[in-house]
Amino acid sequence: MPSDIHHPAAAFNRTSFEACVVPYLDAAYNLARWLARDDTDAQDVVQESMLRAFRYFHSFHGDDARVWLLAIVRNTFYSLRSKAAADAKHETFDDEAHTLIDEAPSPEARALISVDIQALQAALENLPHPLREVIVLRELEECSYKEIANITGQKIGTVMSRLARARERLKAELSSSSTEARRHDVR
């Protein structure tokens, strides 16, 4: 049965949806980007997630719209990923799109900053999906352990364990790249 978007209830739902969910569109894209590792795929995930969120907005009961939307993004990513062929896995990363440029430091300082950012991006890219998603949700999206547990459907203990392993792997990888950068540091 098609819905009439001009019906007052539909307009109320659209307005409520826009007020509750749309403010978290950037967070949704950020999570989708880190999970999909591809801008185009992330856009597809977010688009499908927003459609699903709007379609099922009636089931949202006013808890935390950000957590609700991020859970939809995560579930959408995994359901779309499971439908994709195994050989269609994308491993590309556009460094230029994610490199932060600070105009104030000297060229030498910018080179070292670039090395640090590239090292962090590479370290995050090398994490397995379960570790990457919890570290992105915690450190980039600033979700609490409870929110991450709700988003991922995992127990808080599992979230904490995965975060600890993700941080250890990042620390190990970044310390080895930091040692490499110090060899080129001229003081």
Protein backbone atom coordinates (compact mmCIF):
# COMPACT_ATOMS: atom_id res chain seq x y z
CA MET A 1 0.00 0.00 0.00
CA PRO A 2 1.73 3.20 -1.13
CA SER A 3 2.03 5.95 1.43
CA ASP A 4 0.94 9.47 0.68
CA ILE A 5 3.84 11.80 1.52
CA HIS A 6 1.39 14.71 1.59
CA HIS A 7 -0.63 13.11 4.38
CA PRO A 8 -0.21 15.07 7.68
CA ALA A 9 1.13 12.00 9.52
CA ALA A 10 3.73 11.44 6.79
CA ALA A 11 4.78 15.09 7.00
CA PHE A 12 5.09 14.76 10.79
CA ASN A 13 7.19 11.61 10.39
CA ARG A 14 9.44 13.30 7.82
CA THR A 15 9.87 16.37 10.03
CA SER A 16 10.54 14.23 13.11
CA PHE A 17 12.98 12.07 11.16
CA GLU A 18 14.84 15.10 9.87
CA ALA A 19 15.07 16.56 13.37
CA CYS A 20 16.11 13.32 15.11
CA VAL A 21 18.22 11.41 12.59
CA VAL A 22 19.62 13.72 9.92
CA PRO A 23 21.97 15.55 12.36
CA TYR A 24 23.91 12.27 12.64
CA LEU A 25 24.45 11.86 8.91
CA ASP A 26 28.17 12.72 9.21
CA ALA A 27 28.67 10.11 11.93
CA ALA A 28 26.84 7.58 9.75
CA TYR A 29 29.10 8.33 6.79
CA ASN A 30 32.22 8.21 8.95
CA LEU A 31 31.38 4.75 10.26
CA ALA A 32 30.36 3.53 6.80
CA ARG A 33 33.61 4.89 5.31
CA TRP A 34 35.80 3.09 7.81
CA LEU A 35 33.85 -0.13 7.45
CA ALA A 36 33.61 -0.08 3.66
CA ARG A 37 37.03 1.47 3.04
CA ASP A 38 35.67 3.06 -0.13
CA ASP A 39 33.92 6.41 -0.58
CA THR A 40 31.42 5.15 -3.14
CA ASP A 41 30.53 2.06 -1.13
CA ALA A 42 30.21 4.19 2.01
CA GLN A 43 27.81 6.52 0.21
CA ASP A 44 25.76 3.52 -0.89
CA VAL A 45 25.69 2.17 2.67
CA VAL A 46 24.60 5.52 4.08
CA GLN A 47 21.93 5.98 1.42
CA GLU A 48 20.49 2.52 2.05
CA SER A 49 20.77 3.08 5.83
CA MET A 50 18.89 6.35 5.66
CA LEU A 51 16.15 4.70 3.60
CA ARG A 52 15.91 1.90 6.14
CA ALA A 53 15.95 4.36 9.03
CA PHE A 54 13.13 6.37 7.48
CA ARG A 55 11.15 3.25 6.63
CA TYR A 56 11.40 1.99 10.21
CA PHE A 57 11.37 5.35 11.99
CA HIS A 58 8.05 4.38 13.55
CA SER A 59 9.95 1.73 15.56
CA PHE A 60 12.32 4.33 17.05
CA HIS A 61 11.15 5.12 20.57
CA GLY A 62 13.19 8.20 21.34
CA ASP A 63 16.20 6.66 23.04
CA ASP A 64 19.39 7.77 21.30
CA ALA A 65 18.95 8.50 17.58
CA ARG A 66 22.71 8.46 16.95
CA VAL A 67 23.15 4.97 18.39
CA TRP A 68 20.02 3.78 16.56
CA LEU A 69 21.28 5.16 13.22
CA LEU A 70 24.84 3.85 13.68
CA ALA A 71 23.43 0.38 14.41
CA ILE A 72 21.44 0.59 11.17
CA VAL A 73 24.58 1.70 9.27
CA ARG A 74 26.59 -1.19 10.70
CA ASN A 75 23.87 -3.75 9.96
CA THR A 76 23.34 -2.34 6.46
CA PHE A 77 27.05 -2.54 5.73
CA TYR A 78 27.26 -6.17 6.80
CA SER A 79 24.08 -7.17 4.97
CA LEU A 80 25.26 -5.47 1.75
CA ARG A 81 28.71 -6.97 2.21
CA SER A 82 27.29 -10.47 2.60
CA LYS A 83 25.41 -10.03 -0.68
CA ALA A 84 28.53 -8.96 -2.55
CA ALA A 85 30.73 -11.54 -4.22
CA ALA A 86 33.79 -12.59 -2.23
CA ASP A 87 36.14 -11.37 -4.95
CA ALA A 88 34.55 -7.89 -4.97
CA LYS A 89 36.36 -6.89 -1.80
CA HIS A 90 37.74 -3.34 -2.10
CA GLU A 91 41.12 -2.64 -0.54
CA THR A 92 41.77 0.83 -1.98
CA PHE A 93 42.18 3.93 0.11
CA ASP A 94 42.34 7.50 -1.15
CA ASP A 95 45.09 9.14 0.93
CA GLU A 96 44.45 12.57 -0.58
CA ALA A 97 40.83 12.57 0.53
CA HIS A 98 41.81 11.85 4.15
CA THR A 99 45.10 13.64 4.61
CA LEU A 100 44.91 16.59 6.98
CA ILE A 101 46.94 19.57 5.83
CA ASP A 102 48.12 22.12 8.36
CA GLU A 103 49.27 25.31 6.61
CA ALA A 104 51.10 26.80 9.61
CA PRO A 105 54.00 24.34 10.13
CA SER A 106 57.13 24.28 8.03
CA PRO A 107 57.42 21.88 5.10
CA GLU A 108 59.55 19.57 7.27
CA ALA A 109 56.95 19.55 10.04
CA ARG A 110 54.20 18.96 7.49
CA ALA A 111 56.13 16.00 6.11
CA LEU A 112 56.36 14.47 9.58
CA ILE A 113 52.69 15.18 10.25
CA SER A 114 51.82 13.56 6.94
CA VAL A 115 53.85 10.50 7.87
CA ASP A 116 51.98 10.28 11.20
CA ILE A 117 48.56 10.62 9.55
CA GLN A 118 49.41 8.14 6.85
CA ALA A 119 50.73 5.74 9.46
CA LEU A 120 47.52 6.07 11.50
CA GLN A 121 45.34 5.60 8.42
CA ALA A 122 47.35 2.57 7.35
CA ALA A 123 47.22 1.11 10.87
CA LEU A 124 43.43 1.57 10.99
CA GLU A 125 43.07 0.06 7.52
CA ASN A 126 45.05 -3.01 8.61
CA LEU A 127 42.76 -3.77 11.54
CA PRO A 128 40.17 -6.52 11.01
CA HIS A 129 36.57 -5.25 10.72
CA PRO A 130 35.51 -6.10 14.31
CA LEU A 131 38.47 -4.21 15.78
CA ARG A 132 38.24 -1.32 13.32
CA GLU A 133 34.55 -0.73 13.95
CA VAL A 134 34.92 -0.53 17.75
CA ILE A 135 37.94 1.77 17.60
CA VAL A 136 36.20 4.05 15.09
CA LEU A 137 33.03 4.13 17.19
CA ARG A 138 34.96 4.82 20.42
CA GLU A 139 37.75 7.14 19.32
CA LEU A 140 36.30 8.92 16.28
CA GLU A 141 32.58 8.90 17.07
CA GLU A 142 33.13 9.09 20.86
CA CYS A 143 30.51 6.44 21.64
CA SER A 144 30.40 4.98 25.13
CA TYR A 145 31.04 1.28 25.70
CA LYS A 146 27.31 0.79 26.24
CA GLU A 147 26.49 2.59 22.98
CA ILE A 148 29.04 0.50 21.08
CA ALA A 149 27.55 -2.65 22.59
CA ASN A 150 24.10 -1.54 21.44
CA ILE A 151 25.33 -0.65 17.95
CA THR A 152 27.29 -3.85 17.41
CA GLY A 153 25.03 -6.22 19.31
CA GLN A 154 27.97 -7.37 21.42
CA LYS A 155 28.36 -7.61 25.18
CA ILE A 156 30.21 -4.75 26.88
CA GLY A 157 33.00 -7.14 27.86
CA THR A 158 33.48 -8.10 24.21
CA VAL A 159 33.55 -4.42 23.24
CA MET A 160 36.16 -3.70 25.90
CA SER A 161 38.24 -6.68 24.84
CA ARG A 162 38.11 -5.68 21.18
CA LEU A 163 39.02 -2.11 22.03
CA ALA A 164 42.00 -3.28 24.05
CA ARG A 165 43.19 -5.50 21.20
CA ALA A 166 42.63 -2.74 18.63
CA ARG A 167 44.58 -0.23 20.73
CA GLU A 168 47.43 -2.70 21.24
CA ARG A 169 47.65 -3.43 17.50
CA LEU A 170 47.55 0.27 16.67
CA LYS A 171 50.18 1.02 19.31
CA ALA A 172 52.49 -1.71 18.01
CA GLU A 173 52.11 -0.66 14.40
CA LEU A 174 52.45 3.05 15.13
CA SER A 175 55.52 2.56 17.34
CA SER A 176 57.28 0.71 14.55
CA SER A 177 56.41 3.48 12.06
CA SER A 178 57.36 6.14 14.64
CA THR A 179 60.81 4.58 14.96
CA GLU A 180 61.12 4.81 11.17
CA ALA A 181 60.10 8.48 11.19
CA ARG A 182 62.62 9.33 13.95
CA ARG A 183 65.44 7.97 11.81
CA HIS A 184 64.62 10.70 9.28
CA ASP A 185 64.09 13.44 11.89
CA VAL A 186 66.64 16.23 11.66
CA ARG A 187 66.91 18.38 14.78
